Amino acid sequence: MAHKPNMGNPGRWLKHVDDGQIFQHTDNLAKHPKMEEVTEKEAFPERFLTSKQKTRESELDLSTDPKAVEKAKPKKATKAALASDASKGLDKKK
């Protein structure tokens, strides 16, 4: 008699309560006290994005246009400017 692998129950999902990892529902995993059954929408929210979420514009310029990349490069900072910026918020010696 051939062993049939346990492929789980289609359309059912389990989530580990501590780390949020998603598993396909199996009877053995469902018995585990740290597993809870979740809907497909809870397990895979990226599959259920609204049209507004899919077309949302990024606030950052993500283009690879060489002119935009050159413009986005930081200006060369001096050692004094870096040191003063790094020490902001530190208590002064008393």
PDB file of N, CA and C in Angstrom:
ATOM      1  N   MET A   1       0.842  -1.167   0.000  1.00  0.00           N
ATOM      2  CA  MET A   1       0.000   0.000   0.000  1.00  0.00           C
ATOM      3  C   MET A   1       0.896   1.242   0.000  1.00  0.00           C
ATOM      4  N   ALA A   2       0.676   2.137  -0.957  1.00  0.00           N
ATOM      5  CA  ALA A   2       1.489   3.341  -1.099  1.00  0.00           C
ATOM      6  C   ALA A   2       1.055   4.397  -0.085  1.00  0.00           C
ATOM      7  N   HIS A   3       2.021   5.123   0.441  1.00  0.00           N
ATOM      8  CA  HIS A   3       1.744   6.192   1.394  1.00  0.00           C
ATOM      9  C   HIS A   3       1.308   7.445   0.652  1.00  0.00           C
ATOM     10  N   LYS A   4       0.184   7.985   1.032  1.00  0.00           N
ATOM     11  CA  LYS A   4      -0.327   9.200   0.398  1.00  0.00           C
ATOM     12  C   LYS A   4       0.111  10.413   1.227  1.00  0.00           C
ATOM     13  N   PRO A   5       0.841  11.354   0.621  1.00  0.00           N
ATOM     14  CA  PRO A   5       1.283  12.518   1.398  1.00  0.00           C
ATOM     15  C   PRO A   5       0.102  13.382   1.818  1.00  0.00           C
ATOM     16  N   ASN A   6       0.227  13.997   2.971  1.00  0.00           N
ATOM     17  CA  ASN A   6      -0.818  14.873   3.479  1.00  0.00           C
ATOM     18  C   ASN A   6      -0.642  16.256   2.858  1.00  0.00           C
ATOM     19  N   MET A   7      -1.451  16.552   1.864  1.00  0.00           N
ATOM     20  CA  MET A   7      -1.334  17.825   1.146  1.00  0.00           C
ATOM     21  C   MET A   7      -2.168  18.927   1.784  1.00  0.00           C
ATOM     22  N   GLY A   8      -2.899  18.629   2.828  1.00  0.00           N
ATOM     23  CA  GLY A   8      -3.677  19.663   3.499  1.00  0.00           C
ATOM     24  C   GLY A   8      -5.071  19.801   2.913  1.00  0.00           C
ATOM     25  N   ASN A   9      -5.810  20.686   3.515  1.00  0.00           N
ATOM     26  CA  ASN A   9      -7.184  20.940   3.092  1.00  0.00           C
ATOM     27  C   ASN A   9      -7.207  22.200   2.234  1.00  0.00           C
ATOM     28  N   PRO A  10      -7.565  22.068   0.970  1.00  0.00           N
ATOM     29  CA  PRO A  10      -7.547  23.230   0.064  1.00  0.00           C
ATOM     30  C   PRO A  10      -8.462  24.358   0.556  1.00  0.00           C
ATOM     31  N   GLY A  11      -7.956  25.579   0.449  1.00  0.00           N
ATOM     32  CA  GLY A  11      -8.759  26.739   0.801  1.00  0.00           C
ATOM     33  C   GLY A  11      -8.791  27.057   2.278  1.00  0.00           C
ATOM     34  N   ARG A  12      -8.075  26.298   3.094  1.00  0.00           N
ATOM     35  CA  ARG A  12      -8.050  26.550   4.537  1.00  0.00           C
ATOM     36  C   ARG A  12      -6.607  26.830   4.945  1.00  0.00           C
ATOM     37  N   TRP A  13      -6.439  27.789   5.863  1.00  0.00           N
ATOM     38  CA  TRP A  13      -5.104  28.237   6.242  1.00  0.00           C
ATOM     39  C   TRP A  13      -4.979  28.335   7.745  1.00  0.00           C
ATOM     40  N   LEU A  14      -3.770  28.099   8.235  1.00  0.00           N
ATOM     41  CA  LEU A  14      -3.461  28.230   9.651  1.00  0.00           C
ATOM     42  C   LEU A  14      -2.360  29.271   9.820  1.00  0.00           C
ATOM     43  N   LYS A  15      -2.434  30.006  10.918  1.00  0.00           N
ATOM     44  CA  LYS A  15      -1.414  31.012  11.215  1.00  0.00           C
ATOM     45  C   LYS A  15      -0.863  30.735  12.601  1.00  0.00           C
ATOM     46  N   HIS A  16       0.459  30.766  12.719  1.00  0.00           N
ATOM     47  CA  HIS A  16       1.111  30.600  14.016  1.00  0.00           C
ATOM     48  C   HIS A  16       0.938  31.904  14.784  1.00  0.00           C
ATOM     49  N   VAL A  17       0.455  31.828  16.022  1.00  0.00           N
ATOM     50  CA  VAL A  17       0.111  33.040  16.763  1.00  0.00           C
ATOM     51  C   VAL A  17       1.338  33.835  17.191  1.00  0.00           C
ATOM     52  N   ASP A  18       2.494  33.198  17.344  1.00  0.00           N
ATOM     53  CA  ASP A  18       3.683  33.930  17.787  1.00  0.00           C
ATOM     54  C   ASP A  18       4.370  34.680  16.661  1.00  0.00           C
ATOM     55  N   ASP A  19       4.617  34.004  15.537  1.00  0.00           N
ATOM     56  CA  ASP A  19       5.394  34.651  14.477  1.00  0.00           C
ATOM     57  C   ASP A  19       4.596  34.971  13.215  1.00  0.00           C
ATOM     58  N   GLY A  20       3.329  34.587  13.158  1.00  0.00           N
ATOM     59  CA  GLY A  20       2.480  34.945  12.028  1.00  0.00           C
ATOM     60  C   GLY A  20       2.712  34.132  10.769  1.00  0.00           C
ATOM     61  N   GLN A  21       3.539  33.085  10.847  1.00  0.00           N
ATOM     62  CA  GLN A  21       3.804  32.262   9.666  1.00  0.00           C
ATOM     63  C   GLN A  21       2.531  31.529   9.250  1.00  0.00           C
ATOM     64  N   ILE A  22       2.307  31.456   7.930  1.00  0.00           N
ATOM     65  CA  ILE A  22       1.099  30.853   7.381  1.00  0.00           C
ATOM     66  C   ILE A  22       1.404  29.431   6.895  1.00  0.00           C
ATOM     67  N   PHE A  23       0.498  28.510   7.195  1.00  0.00           N
ATOM     68  CA  PHE A  23       0.610  27.121   6.765  1.00  0.00           C
ATOM     69  C   PHE A  23      -0.700  26.687   6.130  1.00  0.00           C
ATOM     70  N   GLN A  24      -0.608  25.735   5.208  1.00  0.00           N
ATOM     71  CA  GLN A  24      -1.829  25.141   4.676  1.00  0.00           C
ATOM     72  C   GLN A  24      -2.434  24.282   5.777  1.00  0.00           C
ATOM     73  N   HIS A  25      -3.736  24.280   5.861  1.00  0.00           N
ATOM     74  CA  HIS A  25      -4.443  23.581   6.921  1.00  0.00           C
ATOM     75  C   HIS A  25      -4.262  22.070   6.792  1.00  0.00           C
ATOM     76  N   THR A  26      -3.782  21.457   7.857  1.00  0.00           N
ATOM     77  CA  THR A  26      -3.769  19.994   7.975  1.00  0.00           C
ATOM     78  C   THR A  26      -4.354  19.661   9.332  1.00  0.00           C
ATOM     79  N   ASP A  27      -4.881  18.466   9.452  1.00  0.00           N
ATOM     80  CA  ASP A  27      -5.513  18.079  10.713  1.00  0.00           C
ATOM     81  C   ASP A  27      -4.504  18.070  11.863  1.00  0.00           C
ATOM     82  N   ASN A  28      -3.283  17.601  11.605  1.00  0.00           N
ATOM     83  CA  ASN A  28      -2.270  17.559  12.661  1.00  0.00           C
ATOM     84  C   ASN A  28      -1.855  18.955  13.101  1.00  0.00           C
ATOM     85  N   LEU A  29      -1.639  19.853  12.153  1.00  0.00           N
ATOM     86  CA  LEU A  29      -1.261  21.216  12.517  1.00  0.00           C
ATOM     87  C   LEU A  29      -2.394  21.950  13.236  1.00  0.00           C
ATOM     88  N   ALA A  30      -3.618  21.673  12.859  1.00  0.00           N
ATOM     89  CA  ALA A  30      -4.766  22.348  13.461  1.00  0.00           C
ATOM     90  C   ALA A  30      -4.887  22.006  14.950  1.00  0.00           C
ATOM     91  N   LYS A  31      -4.354  20.856  15.372  1.00  0.00           N
ATOM     92  CA  LYS A  31      -4.413  20.447  16.780  1.00  0.00           C
ATOM     93  C   LYS A  31      -3.412  21.212  17.636  1.00  0.00           C
ATOM     94  N   HIS A  32      -2.420  21.831  17.013  1.00  0.00           N
ATOM     95  CA  HIS A  32      -1.383  22.537  17.763  1.00  0.00           C
ATOM     96  C   HIS A  32      -1.994  23.743  18.464  1.00  0.00           C
ATOM     97  N   PRO A  33      -1.684  23.946  19.757  1.00  0.00           N
ATOM     98  CA  PRO A  33      -2.312  25.051  20.501  1.00  0.00           C
ATOM     99  C   PRO A  33      -1.905  26.451  20.031  1.00  0.00           C
ATOM    100  N   LYS A  34      -0.790  26.583  19.338  1.00  0.00           N
ATOM    101  CA  LYS A  34      -0.345  27.905  18.879  1.00  0.00           C
ATOM    102  C   LYS A  34      -0.792  28.203  17.448  1.00  0.00           C
ATOM    103  N   MET A  35      -1.655  27.377  16.882  1.00  0.00           N
ATOM    104  CA  MET A  35      -2.157  27.598  15.535  1.00  0.00           C
ATOM    105  C   MET A  35      -3.610  28.051  15.604  1.00  0.00           C
ATOM    106  N   GLU A  36      -3.938  28.998  14.746  1.00  0.00           N
ATOM    107  CA  GLU A  36      -5.334  29.429  14.634  1.00  0.00           C
ATOM    108  C   GLU A  36      -5.707  29.466  13.161  1.00  0.00           C
ATOM    109  N   GLU A  37      -6.937  29.108  12.870  1.00  0.00           N
ATOM    110  CA  GLU A  37      -7.389  29.114  11.477  1.00  0.00           C
ATOM    111  C   GLU A  37      -7.710  30.545  11.065  1.00  0.00           C
ATOM    112  N   VAL A  38      -7.280  30.910   9.861  1.00  0.00           N
ATOM    113  CA  VAL A  38      -7.535  32.248   9.332  1.00  0.00           C
ATOM    114  C   VAL A  38      -8.128  32.118   7.932  1.00  0.00           C
ATOM    115  N   THR A  39      -8.755  33.190   7.483  1.00  0.00           N
ATOM    116  CA  THR A  39      -9.317  33.195   6.142  1.00  0.00           C
ATOM    117  C   THR A  39      -8.195  33.426   5.132  1.00  0.00           C
ATOM    118  N   GLU A  40      -8.493  33.183   3.867  1.00  0.00           N
ATOM    119  CA  GLU A  40      -7.501  33.413   2.820  1.00  0.00           C
ATOM    120  C   GLU A  40      -7.134  34.899   2.756  1.00  0.00           C
ATOM    121  N   LYS A  41      -8.102  35.760   3.007  1.00  0.00           N
ATOM    122  CA  LYS A  41      -7.848  37.202   2.977  1.00  0.00           C
ATOM    123  C   LYS A  41      -6.880  37.619   4.083  1.00  0.00           C
ATOM    124  N   GLU A  42      -6.996  36.997   5.264  1.00  0.00           N
ATOM    125  CA  GLU A  42      -6.063  37.279   6.350  1.00  0.00           C
ATOM    126  C   GLU A  42      -4.686  36.687   6.061  1.00  0.00           C
ATOM    127  N   ALA A  43      -4.662  35.513   5.436  1.00  0.00           N
ATOM    128  CA  ALA A  43      -3.403  34.824   5.154  1.00  0.00           C
ATOM    129  C   ALA A  43      -2.628  35.501   4.031  1.00  0.00           C
ATOM    130  N   PHE A  44      -3.324  35.965   2.995  1.00  0.00           N
ATOM    131  CA  PHE A  44      -2.679  36.545   1.817  1.00  0.00           C
ATOM    132  C   PHE A  44      -3.355  37.861   1.424  1.00  0.00           C
ATOM    133  N   PRO A  45      -3.147  38.938   2.199  1.00  0.00           N
ATOM    134  CA  PRO A  45      -3.831  40.199   1.900  1.00  0.00           C
ATOM    135  C   PRO A  45      -3.417  40.800   0.559  1.00  0.00           C
ATOM    136  N   GLU A  46      -2.225  40.453   0.057  1.00  0.00           N
ATOM    137  CA  GLU A  46      -1.780  41.013  -1.225  1.00  0.00           C
ATOM    138  C   GLU A  46      -2.641  40.538  -2.390  1.00  0.00           C
ATOM    139  N   ARG A  47      -3.360  39.459  -2.218  1.00  0.00           N
ATOM    140  CA  ARG A  47      -4.255  38.962  -3.276  1.00  0.00           C
ATOM    141  C   ARG A  47      -5.563  39.754  -3.336  1.00  0.00           C
ATOM    142  N   PHE A  48      -5.842  40.538  -2.315  1.00  0.00           N
ATOM    143  CA  PHE A  48      -7.133  41.216  -2.210  1.00  0.00           C
ATOM    144  C   PHE A  48      -6.993  42.734  -2.179  1.00  0.00           C
ATOM    145  N   LEU A  49      -6.002  43.275  -2.873  1.00  0.00           N
ATOM    146  CA  LEU A  49      -5.813  44.721  -2.919  1.00  0.00           C
ATOM    147  C   LEU A  49      -6.939  45.384  -3.701  1.00  0.00           C
ATOM    148  N   THR A  50      -7.337  46.560  -3.245  1.00  0.00           N
ATOM    149  CA  THR A  50      -8.348  47.317  -3.979  1.00  0.00           C
ATOM    150  C   THR A  50      -7.669  47.998  -5.164  1.00  0.00           C
ATOM    151  N   SER A  51      -8.464  48.481  -6.095  1.00  0.00           N
ATOM    152  CA  SER A  51      -7.887  49.145  -7.262  1.00  0.00           C
ATOM    153  C   SER A  51      -7.127  50.402  -6.840  1.00  0.00           C
ATOM    154  N   LYS A  52      -7.587  51.068  -5.782  1.00  0.00           N
ATOM    155  CA  LYS A  52      -6.903  52.263  -5.292  1.00  0.00           C
ATOM    156  C   LYS A  52      -5.528  51.900  -4.733  1.00  0.00           C
ATOM    157  N   GLN A  53      -5.432  50.778  -4.020  1.00  0.00           N
ATOM    158  CA  GLN A  53      -4.157  50.342  -3.461  1.00  0.00           C
ATOM    159  C   GLN A  53      -3.187  49.905  -4.563  1.00  0.00           C
ATOM    160  N   LYS A  54      -3.704  49.299  -5.603  1.00  0.00           N
ATOM    161  CA  LYS A  54      -2.846  48.827  -6.692  1.00  0.00           C
ATOM    162  C   LYS A  54      -2.234  49.976  -7.478  1.00  0.00           C
ATOM    163  N   THR A  55      -2.946  51.103  -7.570  1.00  0.00           N
ATOM    164  CA  THR A  55      -2.481  52.216  -8.402  1.00  0.00           C
ATOM    165  C   THR A  55      -1.903  53.365  -7.578  1.00  0.00           C
ATOM    166  N   ARG A  56      -1.631  53.129  -6.301  1.00  0.00           N
ATOM    167  CA  ARG A  56      -1.112  54.189  -5.447  1.00  0.00           C
ATOM    168  C   ARG A  56       0.263  54.630  -5.940  1.00  0.00           C
ATOM    169  N   GLU A  57       0.444  55.933  -6.018  1.00  0.00           N
ATOM    170  CA  GLU A  57       1.701  56.500  -6.472  1.00  0.00           C
ATOM    171  C   GLU A  57       2.682  56.579  -5.305  1.00  0.00           C
ATOM    172  N   SER A  58       3.924  56.338  -5.588  1.00  0.00           N
ATOM    173  CA  SER A  58       4.970  56.457  -4.582  1.00  0.00           C
ATOM    174  C   SER A  58       5.354  57.917  -4.423  1.00  0.00           C
ATOM    175  N   GLU A  59       5.665  58.315  -3.187  1.00  0.00           N
ATOM    176  CA  GLU A  59       6.093  59.689  -2.949  1.00  0.00           C
ATOM    177  C   GLU A  59       7.541  59.886  -3.394  1.00  0.00           C
ATOM    178  N   LEU A  60       8.288  58.803  -3.502  1.00  0.00           N
ATOM    179  CA  LEU A  60       9.683  58.892  -3.929  1.00  0.00           C
ATOM    180  C   LEU A  60       9.776  58.739  -5.436  1.00  0.00           C
ATOM    181  N   ASP A  61      10.756  59.366  -6.006  1.00  0.00           N
ATOM    182  CA  ASP A  61      11.017  59.208  -7.431  1.00  0.00           C
ATOM    183  C   ASP A  61      11.777  57.897  -7.613  1.00  0.00           C
ATOM    184  N   LEU A  62      11.115  56.899  -8.135  1.00  0.00           N
ATOM    185  CA  LEU A  62      11.718  55.581  -8.287  1.00  0.00           C
ATOM    186  C   LEU A  62      12.264  55.352  -9.688  1.00  0.00           C
ATOM    187  N   SER A  63      12.336  56.401 -10.470  1.00  0.00           N
ATOM    188  CA  SER A  63      12.816  56.246 -11.837  1.00  0.00           C
ATOM    189  C   SER A  63      14.318  55.997 -11.845  1.00  0.00           C
ATOM    190  N   THR A  64      14.792  55.449 -12.939  1.00  0.00           N
ATOM    191  CA  THR A  64      16.225  55.206 -13.083  1.00  0.00           C
ATOM    192  C   THR A  64      16.817  56.158 -14.114  1.00  0.00           C
ATOM    193  N   ASP A  65      16.135  57.256 -14.335  1.00  0.00           N
ATOM    194  CA  ASP A  65      16.633  58.283 -15.245  1.00  0.00           C
ATOM    195  C   ASP A  65      17.944  58.825 -14.687  1.00  0.00           C
ATOM    196  N   PRO A  66      19.022  58.836 -15.475  1.00  0.00           N
ATOM    197  CA  PRO A  66      20.335  59.278 -14.965  1.00  0.00           C
ATOM    198  C   PRO A  66      20.313  60.683 -14.372  1.00  0.00           C
ATOM    199  N   LYS A  67      19.523  61.585 -14.945  1.00  0.00           N
ATOM    200  CA  LYS A  67      19.453  62.950 -14.419  1.00  0.00           C
ATOM    201  C   LYS A  67      18.812  62.958 -13.028  1.00  0.00           C
ATOM    202  N   ALA A  68      17.754  62.151 -12.838  1.00  0.00           N
ATOM    203  CA  ALA A  68      17.090  62.083 -11.537  1.00  0.00           C
ATOM    204  C   ALA A  68      18.002  61.441 -10.497  1.00  0.00           C
ATOM    205  N   VAL A  69      18.772  60.447 -10.918  1.00  0.00           N
ATOM    206  CA  VAL A  69      19.701  59.788  -9.997  1.00  0.00           C
ATOM    207  C   VAL A  69      20.788  60.761  -9.568  1.00  0.00           C
ATOM    208  N   GLU A  70      21.324  61.519 -10.501  1.00  0.00           N
ATOM    209  CA  GLU A  70      22.375  62.490 -10.186  1.00  0.00           C
ATOM    210  C   GLU A  70      21.849  63.563  -9.240  1.00  0.00           C
ATOM    211  N   LYS A  71      20.614  63.975  -9.464  1.00  0.00           N
ATOM    212  CA  LYS A  71      20.004  65.011  -8.633  1.00  0.00           C
ATOM    213  C   LYS A  71      19.764  64.497  -7.209  1.00  0.00           C
ATOM    214  N   ALA A  72      19.514  63.203  -7.070  1.00  0.00           N
ATOM    215  CA  ALA A  72      19.208  62.618  -5.764  1.00  0.00           C
ATOM    216  C   ALA A  72      20.446  62.314  -4.943  1.00  0.00           C
ATOM    217  N   LYS A  73      21.626  62.327  -5.558  1.00  0.00           N
ATOM    218  CA  LYS A  73      22.848  62.038  -4.811  1.00  0.00           C
ATOM    219  C   LYS A  73      23.072  63.117  -3.759  1.00  0.00           C
ATOM    220  N   PRO A  74      23.504  62.715  -2.567  1.00  0.00           N
ATOM    221  CA  PRO A  74      23.732  63.711  -1.518  1.00  0.00           C
ATOM    222  C   PRO A  74      24.923  64.602  -1.850  1.00  0.00           C
ATOM    223  N   LYS A  75      24.848  65.812  -1.363  1.00  0.00           N
ATOM    224  CA  LYS A  75      25.946  66.749  -1.555  1.00  0.00           C
ATOM    225  C   LYS A  75      27.113  66.308  -0.680  1.00  0.00           C
ATOM    226  N   LYS A  76      28.316  66.639  -1.095  1.00  0.00           N
ATOM    227  CA  LYS A  76      29.495  66.262  -0.329  1.00  0.00           C
ATOM    228  C   LYS A  76      29.499  67.044   0.987  1.00  0.00           C
ATOM    229  N   ALA A  77      29.564  66.316   2.097  1.00  0.00           N
ATOM    230  CA  ALA A  77      29.530  66.964   3.403  1.00  0.00           C
ATOM    231  C   ALA A  77      30.954  67.088   3.952  1.00  0.00           C
ATOM    232  N   THR A  78      31.187  68.141   4.687  1.00  0.00           N
ATOM    233  CA  THR A  78      32.499  68.334   5.298  1.00  0.00           C
ATOM    234  C   THR A  78      32.564  67.551   6.605  1.00  0.00           C
ATOM    235  N   LYS A  79      33.784  67.332   7.106  1.00  0.00           N
ATOM    236  CA  LYS A  79      33.944  66.608   8.366  1.00  0.00           C
ATOM    237  C   LYS A  79      33.285  67.364   9.507  1.00  0.00           C
ATOM    238  N   ALA A  80      33.395  68.677   9.503  1.00  0.00           N
ATOM    239  CA  ALA A  80      32.800  69.480  10.581  1.00  0.00           C
ATOM    240  C   ALA A  80      31.279  69.364  10.566  1.00  0.00           C
ATOM    241  N   ALA A  81      30.707  69.394   9.370  1.00  0.00           N
ATOM    242  CA  ALA A  81      29.242  69.282   9.266  1.00  0.00           C
ATOM    243  C   ALA A  81      28.787  67.902   9.729  1.00  0.00           C
ATOM    244  N   LEU A  82      29.536  66.878   9.355  1.00  0.00           N
ATOM    245  CA  LEU A  82      29.177  65.524   9.788  1.00  0.00           C
ATOM    246  C   LEU A  82      29.311  65.385  11.295  1.00  0.00           C
ATOM    247  N   ALA A  83      30.384  65.932  11.864  1.00  0.00           N
ATOM    248  CA  ALA A  83      30.603  65.831  13.302  1.00  0.00           C
ATOM    249  C   ALA A  83      29.517  66.569  14.076  1.00  0.00           C
ATOM    250  N   SER A  84      29.122  67.751  13.616  1.00  0.00           N
ATOM    251  CA  SER A  84      28.085  68.493  14.328  1.00  0.00           C
ATOM    252  C   SER A  84      26.742  67.783  14.213  1.00  0.00           C
ATOM    253  N   ASP A  85      26.473  67.197  13.064  1.00  0.00           N
ATOM    254  CA  ASP A  85      25.225  66.468  12.879  1.00  0.00           C
ATOM    255  C   ASP A  85      25.208  65.210  13.749  1.00  0.00           C
ATOM    256  N   ALA A  86      26.337  64.529  13.849  1.00  0.00           N
ATOM    257  CA  ALA A  86      26.416  63.296  14.630  1.00  0.00           C
ATOM    258  C   ALA A  86      26.300  63.567  16.122  1.00  0.00           C
ATOM    259  N   SER A  87      26.698  64.734  16.565  1.00  0.00           N
ATOM    260  CA  SER A  87      26.685  65.023  17.990  1.00  0.00           C
ATOM    261  C   SER A  87      25.421  65.742  18.449  1.00  0.00           C
ATOM    262  N   LYS A  88      24.467  65.946  17.583  1.00  0.00           N
ATOM    263  CA  LYS A  88      23.217  66.615  17.977  1.00  0.00           C
ATOM    264  C   LYS A  88      22.515  65.786  19.042  1.00  0.00           C
ATOM    265  N   GLY A  89      22.037  66.442  20.057  1.00  0.00           N
ATOM    266  CA  GLY A  89      21.273  65.776  21.092  1.00  0.00           C
ATOM    267  C   GLY A  89      22.123  65.164  22.184  1.00  0.00           C
ATOM    268  N   LEU A  90      23.456  65.184  22.062  1.00  0.00           N
ATOM    269  CA  LEU A  90      24.302  64.648  23.108  1.00  0.00           C
ATOM    270  C   LEU A  90      24.476  65.712  24.178  1.00  0.00           C
ATOM    271  N   ASP A  91      24.520  65.251  25.424  1.00  0.00           N
ATOM    272  CA  ASP A  91      24.711  66.190  26.533  1.00  0.00           C
ATOM    273  C   ASP A  91      26.111  66.771  26.474  1.00  0.00           C
ATOM    274  N   LYS A  92      26.207  68.026  26.786  1.00  0.00           N
ATOM    275  CA  LYS A  92      27.522  68.666  26.823  1.00  0.00           C
ATOM    276  C   LYS A  92      28.183  68.372  28.152  1.00  0.00           C
ATOM    277  N   LYS A  93      29.514  68.371  28.161  1.00  0.00           N
ATOM    278  CA  LYS A  93      30.250  68.130  29.409  1.00  0.00           C
ATOM    279  C   LYS A  93      29.948  69.247  30.393  1.00  0.00           C
ATOM    280  N   LYS A  94      29.848  68.866  31.652  1.00  0.00           N
ATOM    281  CA  LYS A  94      29.506  69.832  32.704  1.00  0.00           C
ATOM    282  C   LYS A  94      30.728  70.252  33.456  1.00  0.00           C
TER     283      LYS A  94
END
